[in-house]
């Protein structure tokens, strides 16, 4: 007796169709559009279609596994319906625009409930929404309650509406992709330092209301370099993914685990009432790492050092809170690992920091600060269109890196007098006629000063320099505080333009782009650096920059790609549409001769 005797054989064609449908549904899921709230750009399209075609109903539909869902809906009193009763589900399995002049005379559709009953459909025309790789997600359709023919011209126009809807879907996905990549670590999928800082701000605000504590923990893996050197960087990356998973499993769902950089992670513990709550978390972490990790067939034990600081007990300023956790972590590492909490007596600033801060106080009077200038060129012509003024500190012992003294200036408040000196020097340079346009970096601390705009107005008026020759570059951290929007508008009223600096490497890029009056977008060098490499990272970086340029262009904003060092990078970035370039390829920062 043969197995499965009497059963109908499965035709290869049926298998192919089922597989094709799986791929189509997967493409639909990737757009993340199902069951999302209404969005004006889609609603405007169906409203326009109703007027153009003089039809009572129009929809942008998406055909799911067992239903038809409307992203935009004009004239139909429902948001979805069964796929089995959907005209659009038939449209997506055919080629081109599907037209039904009279549904009551159509063998397949005349028994549909929406034909026999409300809304009594008589005429239908639907054009498929087709992805770049050929999958049909749904339709742009027109529905009438009277019979109607659709000419070839009508069908072509409806297909154009479908293409416009698909373009909006692609732009929407690009916005999401850029937002996700800007807010999450590419390797582990954890929040990055950008998203972590946002969540820390919100957690501290809630703690101010509830009276509870917030704990920040900086966790560094001990001797991780040895693992990279022994097993290779690919094995090291896989280990970091496993570490991220265990950290998530060891913390509560209300807590946050983020990756700061390299082998450094940060924990945000909320709803903390006492030290006992912290002890429970550290015990779970210890238990989680008691088991070995596997690298190939090799068992490896991973140890960590964790420093903890508590809001608001240890600090109310976020940078100070993170700094205290970092100091405690360093002390834990010196002690051989484990965890320790911040202790003010033991975790004072290092002697070097104290000495450097004292010297920075006197840097202006000793004339140790200098302005260096780096050219910005037009992407196509390579003509110099402006320069960026960059601050340098030249001590008798040598030049101090801006990465070392700028944060020190900001946390100490010295950035305010230093920033005003920089602005004045930059404007004087323009007044001398030696340079035509200059961009000047401005920190969030400077923007917070009540007289910032007034001081800017005075400098411009006193010097007689045209305001359009000055561009102020603001980091994304400056965009977090809602009050800054009003300040930026005042700056723009003076005729001074503003740029969003280091786009994608800050706090709320998309919000800043859409809501704040900035006129230029500067793409951070961390995105441009891998471009030109024939690696997954290089290809991904180029596509990410392409997405950023697409979004900026859609908002009418020119882009400046920073950190360009090779001709190949310049060629690729020109191809994706960058407006201006800046980097060593076109000139290093130099003082004026």
Protein backbone atom coordinates (compact mmCIF):
# COMPACT_ATOMS: atom_id res chain seq x y z
CA UNK A 1 0.00 0.00 0.00
CA UNK A 2 1.41 3.36 -1.01
CA UNK A 3 1.67 6.08 1.57
CA UNK A 4 -0.75 9.02 1.03
CA UNK A 5 -2.68 6.98 -1.54
CA UNK A 6 -5.77 8.84 -2.73
CA UNK A 7 -4.46 12.32 -1.86
CA UNK A 8 -4.17 14.92 -4.64
CA UNK A 9 -0.58 15.66 -5.60
CA UNK A 10 0.83 19.12 -4.82
CA UNK A 11 1.53 20.92 -8.06
CA UNK A 12 4.88 22.75 -8.33
CA UNK A 13 2.97 25.81 -9.53
CA UNK A 14 1.02 25.92 -6.22
CA UNK A 15 4.28 25.75 -4.26
CA UNK A 16 5.75 28.63 -6.31
CA UNK A 17 2.67 30.78 -5.77
CA UNK A 18 2.71 30.12 -2.02
CA UNK A 19 6.40 31.03 -1.82
CA UNK A 20 5.82 34.18 -3.87
CA UNK A 21 3.02 35.20 -1.50
CA UNK A 22 5.31 34.67 1.50
CA UNK A 23 7.88 36.98 -0.07
CA UNK A 24 5.19 39.56 -0.87
CA UNK A 25 3.92 39.55 2.72
CA UNK A 26 7.51 39.82 4.01
CA UNK A 27 8.00 42.89 1.79
CA UNK A 28 4.79 44.38 3.18
CA UNK A 29 6.00 43.80 6.78
CA UNK A 30 9.30 45.53 6.04
CA UNK A 31 7.49 48.78 5.35
CA UNK A 32 5.98 48.73 8.86
CA UNK A 33 2.88 50.52 7.62
CA UNK A 34 0.03 48.20 8.69
CA UNK A 35 -2.24 49.52 11.46
CA UNK A 36 -0.45 52.87 11.66
CA UNK A 37 -2.37 56.11 12.32
CA UNK A 38 -3.55 58.27 9.40
CA UNK A 39 -0.85 60.42 7.76
CA UNK A 40 -1.60 63.62 5.87
CA UNK A 41 0.51 62.84 2.80
CA UNK A 42 -1.57 59.73 2.02
CA UNK A 43 -4.91 61.35 2.89
CA UNK A 44 -4.17 64.24 0.52
CA UNK A 45 -3.55 61.82 -2.35
CA UNK A 46 -6.95 60.07 -2.07
CA UNK A 47 -8.74 63.40 -1.64
CA UNK A 48 -7.06 64.67 -4.79
CA UNK A 49 -7.95 61.49 -6.69
CA UNK A 50 -11.64 61.86 -5.81
CA UNK A 51 -11.64 65.38 -7.26
CA UNK A 52 -9.61 64.49 -10.36
CA UNK A 53 -11.67 61.42 -11.32
CA UNK A 54 -15.02 62.70 -9.97
CA UNK A 55 -15.53 59.50 -7.98
CA UNK A 56 -17.18 59.23 -4.53
CA UNK A 57 -14.58 56.89 -2.98
CA UNK A 58 -10.82 56.38 -3.12
CA UNK A 59 -8.46 54.31 -1.00
CA UNK A 60 -4.82 53.40 -0.58
CA UNK A 61 -5.12 49.73 0.38
CA UNK A 62 -2.66 47.15 1.64
CA UNK A 63 -3.47 43.47 1.16
CA UNK A 64 -2.47 41.49 4.25
CA UNK A 65 -2.57 37.72 4.74
CA UNK A 66 -6.33 37.55 5.36
CA UNK A 67 -7.55 41.13 5.16
CA UNK A 68 -7.48 44.35 3.20
CA UNK A 69 -6.46 47.39 5.27
CA UNK A 70 -6.80 51.04 4.25
CA UNK A 71 -3.88 53.39 4.89
CA UNK A 72 -5.92 56.25 3.44
CA UNK A 73 -9.68 56.17 2.92
CA UNK A 74 -12.04 58.71 1.41
CA UNK A 75 -15.77 58.05 1.32
CA UNK A 76 -15.86 54.49 2.73
CA UNK A 77 -17.05 53.98 6.30
CA UNK A 78 -14.62 51.22 7.26
CA UNK A 79 -10.89 50.81 7.86
CA UNK A 80 -10.49 47.23 6.65
CA UNK A 81 -12.31 44.24 5.23
CA UNK A 82 -11.88 40.51 4.53
CA UNK A 83 -9.41 39.70 1.78
CA UNK A 84 -11.88 37.18 0.35
CA UNK A 85 -14.31 40.03 -0.44
CA UNK A 86 -11.66 42.45 -1.73
CA UNK A 87 -11.41 43.75 -5.29
CA UNK A 88 -7.82 44.81 -4.53
CA UNK A 89 -6.68 41.27 -3.69
CA UNK A 90 -7.60 40.33 -7.27
CA UNK A 91 -5.84 43.42 -8.67
CA UNK A 92 -2.46 42.48 -7.18
CA UNK A 93 -2.36 39.09 -8.92
CA UNK A 94 -2.94 40.67 -12.31
CA UNK A 95 -0.77 42.88 -14.50
CA UNK A 96 -1.40 46.61 -14.75
CA UNK A 97 -4.54 48.51 -13.75
CA UNK A 98 -7.65 46.40 -13.13
CA UNK A 99 -10.95 47.97 -14.27
CA UNK A 100 -14.46 46.71 -13.44
CA UNK A 101 -16.99 48.91 -15.31
CA UNK A 102 -20.04 47.26 -13.63
CA UNK A 103 -19.53 44.85 -10.74
CA UNK A 104 -23.15 43.64 -10.90
CA UNK A 105 -22.41 42.21 -14.34
CA UNK A 106 -19.11 40.61 -13.36
CA UNK A 107 -19.17 36.89 -12.68
CA UNK A 108 -16.65 37.02 -9.81
CA UNK A 109 -17.67 40.24 -8.06
CA UNK A 110 -21.47 40.38 -8.40
CA UNK A 111 -22.03 38.21 -5.31
CA UNK A 112 -19.66 40.21 -3.07
CA UNK A 113 -21.45 41.64 0.02
CA UNK A 114 -20.14 45.15 -0.76
CA UNK A 115 -21.77 44.91 -4.19
CA UNK A 116 -25.09 43.45 -3.03
CA UNK A 117 -25.15 45.72 0.05
CA UNK A 118 -23.44 48.87 1.36
CA UNK A 119 -21.74 50.69 -0.24
CA UNK A 120 -23.29 49.07 -3.37
CA UNK A 121 -20.15 49.09 -5.49
CA UNK A 122 -20.79 49.25 -9.22
CA UNK A 123 -17.52 50.51 -10.74
CA UNK A 124 -13.92 49.91 -9.62
CA UNK A 125 -10.41 50.74 -10.86
CA UNK A 126 -7.25 49.76 -9.02
CA UNK A 127 -3.54 50.28 -9.75
CA UNK A 128 -1.06 48.14 -7.78
CA UNK A 129 1.49 49.60 -5.35
CA UNK A 130 4.71 47.98 -6.59
CA UNK A 131 7.97 47.91 -4.62
CA UNK A 132 11.33 48.47 -6.38
CA UNK A 133 11.88 44.70 -6.31
CA UNK A 134 8.50 43.99 -7.91
CA UNK A 135 6.23 43.00 -5.02
CA UNK A 136 2.64 44.28 -5.04
CA UNK A 137 1.72 45.48 -1.55
CA UNK A 138 -1.78 46.73 -2.32
CA UNK A 139 -3.49 49.23 -4.57
CA UNK A 140 -4.51 52.81 -5.18
CA UNK A 141 -8.16 52.33 -6.05
CA UNK A 142 -11.28 54.27 -7.06
CA UNK A 143 -14.82 53.08 -6.25
CA UNK A 144 -18.12 54.29 -7.67
CA UNK A 145 -21.80 53.55 -7.09
CA UNK A 146 -22.63 53.96 -10.76
CA UNK A 147 -21.29 52.03 -13.79
CA UNK A 148 -18.25 53.69 -15.37
CA UNK A 149 -15.71 53.07 -18.07
CA UNK A 150 -12.07 54.07 -17.53
CA UNK A 151 -10.16 55.19 -20.62
CA UNK A 152 -6.53 54.30 -21.21
CA UNK A 153 -5.64 57.87 -20.19
CA UNK A 154 -7.60 57.42 -16.93
CA UNK A 155 -5.74 54.20 -16.24
CA UNK A 156 -2.35 55.83 -16.85
CA UNK A 157 -3.27 58.66 -14.49
CA UNK A 158 -4.39 56.21 -11.80
CA UNK A 159 -1.10 54.33 -12.17
CA UNK A 160 0.68 57.66 -11.57
CA UNK A 161 -1.28 58.10 -8.33
CA UNK A 162 -0.16 54.61 -7.28
CA UNK A 163 3.46 55.55 -8.02
CA UNK A 164 3.14 58.71 -5.91
CA UNK A 165 1.71 56.68 -3.01
CA UNK A 166 4.58 54.20 -3.35
CA UNK A 167 7.09 57.06 -3.35
CA UNK A 168 5.60 58.29 -0.08
CA UNK A 169 5.86 54.78 1.37
CA UNK A 170 9.54 54.59 0.37
CA UNK A 171 10.27 58.02 1.87
CA UNK A 172 8.45 57.01 5.04
CA UNK A 173 10.58 53.86 5.26
CA UNK A 174 13.77 55.87 4.63
CA UNK A 175 12.84 58.19 7.51
CA UNK A 176 12.29 55.20 9.76
CA UNK A 177 15.54 53.51 8.72
CA UNK A 178 17.60 56.64 9.33
CA UNK A 179 15.90 57.20 12.69
CA UNK A 180 16.47 53.58 13.72
CA UNK A 181 20.11 53.52 12.65
CA UNK A 182 20.76 56.86 14.33
CA UNK A 183 19.26 55.62 17.60
CA UNK A 184 20.42 52.00 17.78
CA UNK A 185 23.74 50.20 17.80
CA UNK A 186 24.27 48.43 14.48
CA UNK A 187 26.05 45.41 15.99
CA UNK A 188 23.91 44.50 19.00
CA UNK A 189 20.60 46.20 18.19
CA UNK A 190 20.70 47.86 21.63
CA UNK A 191 19.99 51.57 22.03
CA UNK A 192 23.10 53.65 21.37
CA UNK A 193 24.35 56.56 23.45
CA UNK A 194 21.99 58.88 21.57
CA UNK A 195 18.83 57.00 22.51
CA UNK A 196 20.19 56.23 25.98
CA UNK A 197 20.62 59.90 26.77
CA UNK A 198 17.04 60.63 25.72
CA UNK A 199 15.74 57.84 27.93
CA UNK A 200 17.91 59.00 30.83
CA UNK A 201 16.44 62.50 30.56
CA UNK A 202 12.90 61.10 30.63
CA UNK A 203 13.69 58.78 33.55
CA UNK A 204 15.11 61.66 35.60
CA UNK A 205 12.02 63.78 34.87
CA UNK A 206 9.76 60.97 36.09
CA UNK A 207 11.94 60.53 39.19
CA UNK A 208 11.55 64.24 39.98
CA UNK A 209 7.79 63.68 40.12
CA UNK A 210 7.72 60.29 41.85
CA UNK A 211 10.53 60.94 44.30
CA UNK A 212 12.24 57.68 43.39
CA UNK A 213 15.84 57.19 42.28
CA UNK A 214 17.46 56.52 38.93
CA UNK A 215 20.65 54.48 38.78
CA UNK A 216 23.17 54.75 35.95
CA UNK A 217 25.70 51.94 35.57
CA UNK A 218 28.70 51.95 33.22
CA UNK A 219 29.86 48.40 32.51
CA UNK A 220 33.17 47.60 30.82
CA UNK A 221 34.31 44.09 29.87
CA UNK A 222 37.65 43.14 31.45
CA UNK A 223 40.50 42.15 29.11
CA UNK A 224 38.26 42.14 26.06
CA UNK A 225 41.21 43.09 23.85
CA UNK A 226 42.74 39.70 24.66
CA UNK A 227 39.67 37.99 23.17
CA UNK A 228 39.94 40.08 19.98
CA UNK A 229 43.65 39.38 19.69
CA UNK A 230 43.22 35.64 20.33
CA UNK A 231 40.08 34.77 18.37
CA UNK A 232 39.78 37.68 15.92
CA UNK A 233 37.44 40.66 15.67
CA UNK A 234 34.57 38.67 14.14
CA UNK A 235 34.53 36.37 17.18
CA UNK A 236 34.77 39.46 19.38
CA UNK A 237 31.73 41.00 17.67
CA UNK A 238 29.73 37.78 18.14
CA UNK A 239 30.69 37.75 21.80
CA UNK A 240 29.48 41.33 22.21
CA UNK A 241 26.10 40.27 20.80
CA UNK A 242 25.90 37.45 23.37
CA UNK A 243 26.90 39.85 26.15
CA UNK A 244 24.14 42.27 25.07
CA UNK A 245 21.58 39.44 25.18
CA UNK A 246 22.60 38.36 28.69
CA UNK A 247 22.54 41.94 29.96
CA UNK A 248 18.98 42.34 28.64
CA UNK A 249 17.92 39.06 30.26
CA UNK A 250 19.41 40.09 33.61
CA UNK A 251 17.58 43.42 33.80
CA UNK A 252 13.90 44.26 34.14
CA UNK A 253 11.78 45.17 31.14
CA UNK A 254 11.48 48.74 32.49
CA UNK A 255 15.28 49.09 32.59
CA UNK A 256 17.47 50.10 29.64
CA UNK A 257 20.64 48.46 28.40
CA UNK A 258 22.60 50.42 25.79
CA UNK A 259 25.96 50.08 24.08
CA UNK A 260 28.15 53.15 24.38
CA UNK A 261 31.12 52.04 22.29
CA UNK A 262 33.50 49.11 21.93
CA UNK A 263 33.05 46.81 24.91
CA UNK A 264 31.40 49.47 27.09
CA UNK A 265 27.72 49.18 27.97
CA UNK A 266 25.50 51.39 30.09
CA UNK A 267 22.54 50.43 32.29
CA UNK A 268 19.61 52.63 33.26
CA UNK A 269 17.76 51.25 36.29
CA UNK A 270 14.44 52.96 37.01
CA UNK A 271 11.85 52.72 39.79
CA UNK A 272 14.65 52.23 42.32
CA UNK A 273 13.61 52.69 45.94
CA UNK A 274 16.64 51.51 47.90
CA UNK A 275 20.13 50.02 47.72
CA UNK A 276 18.49 46.59 47.95
CA UNK A 277 17.01 47.09 44.46
CA UNK A 278 20.49 47.75 43.06
CA UNK A 279 21.88 44.68 44.85
CA UNK A 280 19.25 42.47 43.23
CA UNK A 281 20.27 43.66 39.76
CA UNK A 282 24.00 43.20 40.34
CA UNK A 283 23.31 39.70 41.70
CA UNK A 284 21.37 38.80 38.53
CA UNK A 285 24.25 40.15 36.44
CA UNK A 286 26.75 38.03 38.34
CA UNK A 287 24.59 34.93 37.94
CA UNK A 288 24.12 35.62 34.23
CA UNK A 289 27.87 35.79 33.59
CA UNK A 290 28.72 32.79 35.80
CA UNK A 291 28.17 30.51 32.80
CA UNK A 292 30.84 30.51 30.06
CA UNK A 293 30.36 31.95 26.58
CA UNK A 294 31.13 29.83 23.52
CA UNK A 295 33.52 31.03 20.82
CA UNK A 296 33.43 28.20 18.34
CA UNK A 297 34.06 25.13 20.51
CA UNK A 298 36.03 27.13 23.07
CA UNK A 299 34.45 28.08 26.42
CA UNK A 300 35.32 31.61 27.56
CA UNK A 301 34.45 33.27 30.86
CA UNK A 302 33.77 37.00 30.66
CA UNK A 303 34.25 39.32 33.62
CA UNK A 304 33.20 42.94 33.91
CA UNK A 305 33.70 46.11 35.94
CA UNK A 306 30.61 48.16 36.78
CA UNK A 307 30.42 51.67 38.20
CA UNK A 308 27.13 53.01 39.58
CA UNK A 309 25.85 56.52 40.30
CA UNK A 310 22.45 57.58 41.62
CA UNK A 311 20.18 60.43 40.53
CA UNK A 312 19.62 62.83 42.25
CA UNK A 313 21.85 61.81 45.20
CA UNK A 314 25.19 61.90 43.37
CA UNK A 315 24.35 64.53 40.75
CA UNK A 316 21.46 66.25 39.01
CA UNK A 317 23.39 67.14 35.84
CA UNK A 318 23.38 64.21 33.42
CA UNK A 319 26.98 64.63 32.30
CA UNK A 320 28.11 64.68 35.91
CA UNK A 321 25.99 61.59 36.64
CA UNK A 322 27.65 59.69 33.80
CA UNK A 323 31.05 61.02 34.82
CA UNK A 324 30.55 59.74 38.37
CA UNK A 325 29.56 56.29 37.07
CA UNK A 326 32.65 56.30 34.86
CA UNK A 327 34.90 57.21 37.81
CA UNK A 328 33.36 54.43 39.91
CA UNK A 329 33.80 51.94 37.06
CA UNK A 330 37.47 52.87 36.73
CA UNK A 331 37.93 52.27 40.45
CA UNK A 332 36.19 48.87 40.15
CA UNK A 333 38.50 47.95 37.27
CA UNK A 334 41.56 48.93 39.31
CA UNK A 335 40.28 46.69 42.11
CA UNK A 336 40.14 43.70 39.75
CA UNK A 337 36.52 43.87 38.56
CA UNK A 338 33.07 43.61 40.10
CA UNK A 339 30.91 46.60 40.88
CA UNK A 340 31.17 49.69 43.03
CA UNK A 341 29.13 52.82 43.62
CA UNK A 342 30.33 56.40 43.25
CA UNK A 343 32.04 57.77 46.36
CA UNK A 344 32.73 61.47 46.28
CA UNK A 345 35.84 61.31 48.44
CA UNK A 346 37.53 58.65 46.34
CA UNK A 347 36.37 59.65 42.87
CA UNK A 348 37.60 63.23 42.69
CA UNK A 349 38.84 64.67 39.42
CA UNK A 350 42.28 63.56 38.44
CA UNK A 351 45.23 65.88 39.02
CA UNK A 352 45.57 66.33 35.26
CA UNK A 353 41.98 67.55 34.92
CA UNK A 354 42.38 70.03 37.76
CA UNK A 355 45.62 71.36 36.29
CA UNK A 356 44.11 71.61 32.82
CA UNK A 357 41.02 73.43 34.08
CA UNK A 358 43.22 75.97 35.90
CA UNK A 359 45.25 76.52 32.73
CA UNK A 360 42.10 76.88 30.63
CA UNK A 361 40.92 79.69 32.91
CA UNK A 362 44.04 81.63 31.90
CA UNK A 363 44.18 80.58 28.24
CA UNK A 364 42.41 83.71 26.96
CA UNK A 365 44.56 86.19 28.87
CA UNK A 366 47.70 84.29 27.84
CA UNK A 367 46.57 84.36 24.19
CA UNK A 368 46.89 80.59 23.88
CA UNK A 369 43.63 80.14 21.96
CA UNK A 370 43.74 80.18 18.17
CA UNK A 371 41.26 79.94 15.32
CA UNK A 372 42.06 77.50 12.52
CA UNK A 373 40.02 77.47 9.31
CA UNK A 374 38.97 74.53 7.12
CA UNK A 375 37.46 75.06 3.66
CA UNK A 376 34.01 73.91 2.57
CA UNK A 377 33.76 73.26 -1.18
CA UNK A 378 30.93 72.90 -3.67
CA UNK A 379 30.51 69.20 -4.45
CA UNK A 380 30.41 69.58 -8.23
CA UNK A 381 32.73 72.51 -8.98
CA UNK A 382 35.04 71.97 -5.95
CA UNK A 383 35.09 75.77 -5.57
CA UNK A 384 35.59 77.00 -1.99
CA UNK A 385 32.30 78.48 -0.79
CA UNK A 386 33.02 78.97 2.93
CA UNK A 387 35.28 78.05 5.85
CA UNK A 388 34.60 76.56 9.26
CA UNK A 389 36.28 78.28 12.22
CA UNK A 390 37.78 75.65 14.54
CA UNK A 391 39.11 76.41 18.01
CA UNK A 392 42.61 75.25 18.99
CA UNK A 393 44.44 75.55 22.30
CA UNK A 394 48.20 75.92 21.87
CA UNK A 395 50.02 75.66 25.19
CA UNK A 396 53.78 76.07 25.70
CA UNK A 397 53.90 72.29 26.18
CA UNK A 398 52.06 71.67 22.89
CA UNK A 399 48.58 71.60 21.38
CA UNK A 400 45.72 70.25 23.50
CA UNK A 401 43.13 68.14 21.65
CA UNK A 402 39.68 69.76 21.38
CA UNK A 403 38.28 66.40 22.50
CA UNK A 404 40.02 67.03 25.83
CA UNK A 405 39.39 70.70 26.52
CA UNK A 406 36.00 71.43 24.90
CA UNK A 407 34.05 69.10 27.28
CA UNK A 408 36.02 70.59 30.18
CA UNK A 409 35.09 74.09 29.05
CA UNK A 410 31.41 73.12 28.77
CA UNK A 411 31.13 71.44 32.18
CA UNK A 412 32.98 74.31 33.89
CA UNK A 413 31.02 77.08 32.16
CA UNK A 414 34.16 78.51 30.54
CA UNK A 415 32.67 77.77 27.14
CA UNK A 416 30.60 80.98 27.42
CA UNK A 417 33.48 83.51 27.47
CA UNK A 418 35.52 81.31 25.11
CA UNK A 419 32.60 80.99 22.69
CA UNK A 420 32.13 84.77 22.64
CA UNK A 421 35.81 85.22 21.91
CA UNK A 422 35.54 82.75 19.02
CA UNK A 423 32.50 84.56 17.59
CA UNK A 424 34.24 87.92 17.78
CA UNK A 425 37.44 86.63 16.19
CA UNK A 426 35.46 84.97 13.38
CA UNK A 427 33.49 88.13 12.63
CA UNK A 428 36.70 90.22 12.69
CA UNK A 429 38.20 87.81 10.15
CA UNK A 430 35.19 88.39 7.88
CA UNK A 431 35.48 92.14 8.42
CA UNK A 432 39.10 92.02 7.24
CA UNK A 433 37.93 90.54 3.94
CA UNK A 434 40.39 87.64 4.13
CA UNK A 435 37.52 85.11 4.09
CA UNK A 436 34.04 85.53 2.65
CA UNK A 437 31.85 83.21 4.72
CA UNK A 438 32.43 81.49 8.05
CA UNK A 439 30.63 78.88 10.13
CA UNK A 440 31.08 78.97 13.91
CA UNK A 441 30.30 76.16 16.34
CA UNK A 442 27.99 77.06 19.21
CA UNK A 443 27.37 74.82 22.23
CA UNK A 444 24.10 74.25 24.06
CA UNK A 445 25.59 76.01 27.09
CA UNK A 446 26.05 79.21 25.05
CA UNK A 447 22.52 79.05 23.63
CA UNK A 448 21.16 78.82 27.17
CA UNK A 449 22.54 82.27 28.01
CA UNK A 450 19.63 84.77 28.17
CA UNK A 451 21.61 87.42 26.25
CA UNK A 452 23.02 85.15 23.53
CA UNK A 453 20.95 86.63 20.69
CA UNK A 454 21.53 90.16 21.96
CA UNK A 455 25.27 89.58 22.05
CA UNK A 456 25.21 88.16 18.52
CA UNK A 457 23.26 91.22 17.30
CA UNK A 458 25.78 93.57 18.97
CA UNK A 459 28.80 91.82 17.43
CA UNK A 460 27.28 92.00 13.94
CA UNK A 461 26.16 95.60 14.30
CA UNK A 462 29.43 96.82 15.78
CA UNK A 463 31.53 95.08 13.11
CA UNK A 464 29.30 95.99 10.17
CA UNK A 465 29.62 92.45 8.79
CA UNK A 466 26.61 91.20 6.80
CA UNK A 467 24.76 88.59 8.83
CA UNK A 468 24.32 86.30 5.80
CA UNK A 469 28.09 85.67 5.86
CA UNK A 470 27.79 83.94 9.26
CA UNK A 471 26.53 80.39 9.82
CA UNK A 472 26.11 79.02 13.36
CA UNK A 473 26.63 75.25 13.70
CA UNK A 474 24.57 73.63 16.45
CA UNK A 475 25.00 70.07 17.66
CA UNK A 476 21.90 67.93 18.04
CA UNK A 477 22.17 68.15 21.84
CA UNK A 478 21.20 71.80 21.41
CA UNK A 479 17.88 70.65 19.94
CA UNK A 480 16.64 68.78 23.00
CA UNK A 481 15.33 71.78 24.90
CA UNK A 482 12.07 73.12 23.42
CA UNK A 483 12.98 76.73 24.31
CA UNK A 484 15.85 76.63 21.82
CA UNK A 485 13.37 76.69 18.91
CA UNK A 486 12.42 80.27 19.78
CA UNK A 487 16.10 81.24 20.07
CA UNK A 488 16.85 79.81 16.63
CA UNK A 489 13.99 81.79 15.13
CA UNK A 490 15.43 84.98 16.66
CA UNK A 491 18.84 84.11 15.20
CA UNK A 492 17.28 83.59 11.77
CA UNK A 493 15.46 86.93 12.13
CA UNK A 494 18.88 88.57 12.36
CA UNK A 495 19.68 87.04 8.97
CA UNK A 496 22.14 84.54 10.45
CA UNK A 497 21.75 81.00 9.11
CA UNK A 498 21.96 77.88 11.29
CA UNK A 499 23.25 74.39 10.54
CA UNK A 500 22.52 71.08 12.24
CA UNK A 501 26.03 69.76 12.92
CA UNK A 502 27.08 66.08 13.14
CA UNK A 503 23.67 64.92 11.89
CA UNK A 504 22.79 61.37 13.00
CA UNK A 505 25.27 61.35 15.87
CA UNK A 506 23.17 63.32 18.36
CA UNK A 507 19.81 63.21 20.03
CA UNK A 508 16.74 63.89 17.86
CA UNK A 509 17.77 64.32 14.24
CA UNK A 510 14.39 63.95 12.53
CA UNK A 511 12.61 66.16 15.05
CA UNK A 512 15.28 68.81 14.61
CA UNK A 513 15.04 68.66 10.82
CA UNK A 514 11.27 68.90 10.60
CA UNK A 515 10.52 71.29 13.47
CA UNK A 516 13.46 73.68 13.85
CA UNK A 517 14.50 76.53 11.54
CA UNK A 518 17.84 75.13 10.40
CA UNK A 519 19.05 75.80 6.87
CA UNK A 520 21.92 73.32 6.45
CA UNK A 521 22.54 69.68 7.43
CA UNK A 522 26.11 68.54 8.16
CA UNK A 523 26.52 64.76 7.91
CA UNK A 524 28.76 63.41 10.65
CA UNK A 525 32.17 61.98 9.66
CA UNK A 526 31.27 58.69 11.41
CA UNK A 527 28.88 58.04 8.51
CA UNK A 528 31.23 59.14 5.72
CA UNK A 529 34.44 57.49 7.00
CA UNK A 530 33.61 53.90 5.84
CA UNK A 531 32.43 55.04 2.40
CA UNK A 532 34.66 53.75 -0.37
CA UNK A 533 35.49 50.52 1.45
CA UNK A 534 34.37 47.37 -0.37
CA UNK A 535 32.87 46.00 2.84
CA UNK A 536 29.32 45.61 4.24
CA UNK A 537 30.03 48.58 6.53
CA UNK A 538 31.14 50.69 3.55
CA UNK A 539 28.07 49.81 1.47
CA UNK A 540 25.72 50.36 4.41
CA UNK A 541 27.30 53.75 5.18
CA UNK A 542 26.78 54.89 1.59
CA UNK A 543 23.13 53.83 1.62
CA UNK A 544 22.59 55.55 4.96
CA UNK A 545 24.06 58.81 3.63
CA UNK A 546 21.86 58.42 0.53
CA UNK A 547 18.83 58.21 2.86
CA UNK A 548 19.95 61.29 4.82
CA UNK A 549 20.45 63.28 1.62
CA UNK A 550 17.03 62.17 0.32
CA UNK A 551 15.32 63.36 3.50
CA UNK A 552 17.23 66.65 3.62
CA UNK A 553 16.54 67.32 -0.05
CA UNK A 554 12.83 66.60 0.45
CA UNK A 555 12.88 69.28 3.16
CA UNK A 556 14.78 71.73 0.93
CA UNK A 557 17.99 71.57 2.96
CA UNK A 558 21.51 71.45 1.44
CA UNK A 559 23.95 68.91 2.93
CA UNK A 560 27.62 69.11 3.88
CA UNK A 561 29.46 65.78 4.04
CA UNK A 562 32.25 66.00 6.61
CA UNK A 563 35.45 63.99 6.93
CA UNK A 564 36.14 63.34 3.23
CA UNK A 565 39.67 62.08 2.77
CA UNK A 566 39.73 60.29 -0.61
CA UNK A 567 38.68 61.05 -4.17
CA UNK A 568 36.61 57.85 -4.19
CA UNK A 569 34.58 59.05 -1.19
CA UNK A 570 33.99 62.39 -2.93
CA UNK A 571 32.85 60.71 -6.16
CA UNK A 572 30.41 58.41 -4.36
CA UNK A 573 29.00 61.21 -2.20
CA UNK A 574 28.56 63.44 -5.24
CA UNK A 575 26.62 60.62 -6.88
CA UNK A 576 24.18 60.34 -3.93
CA UNK A 577 23.52 64.08 -4.10
CA UNK A 578 25.58 65.79 -1.36
CA UNK A 579 25.69 69.55 -1.91
CA UNK A 580 29.00 70.46 -0.25
CA UNK A 581 32.16 68.68 0.94
CA UNK A 582 34.55 69.22 3.84
CA UNK A 583 37.60 67.16 4.78
CA UNK A 584 41.34 66.66 4.47
CA UNK A 585 41.00 65.97 0.75
CA UNK A 586 40.16 69.66 0.25
CA UNK A 587 42.23 71.18 3.03
CA UNK A 588 43.22 70.63 6.64
CA UNK A 589 42.34 73.15 9.36
CA UNK A 590 45.04 75.82 9.24
CA UNK A 591 45.59 79.25 10.79
CA UNK A 592 45.46 82.22 8.42
CA UNK A 593 48.91 83.07 7.14
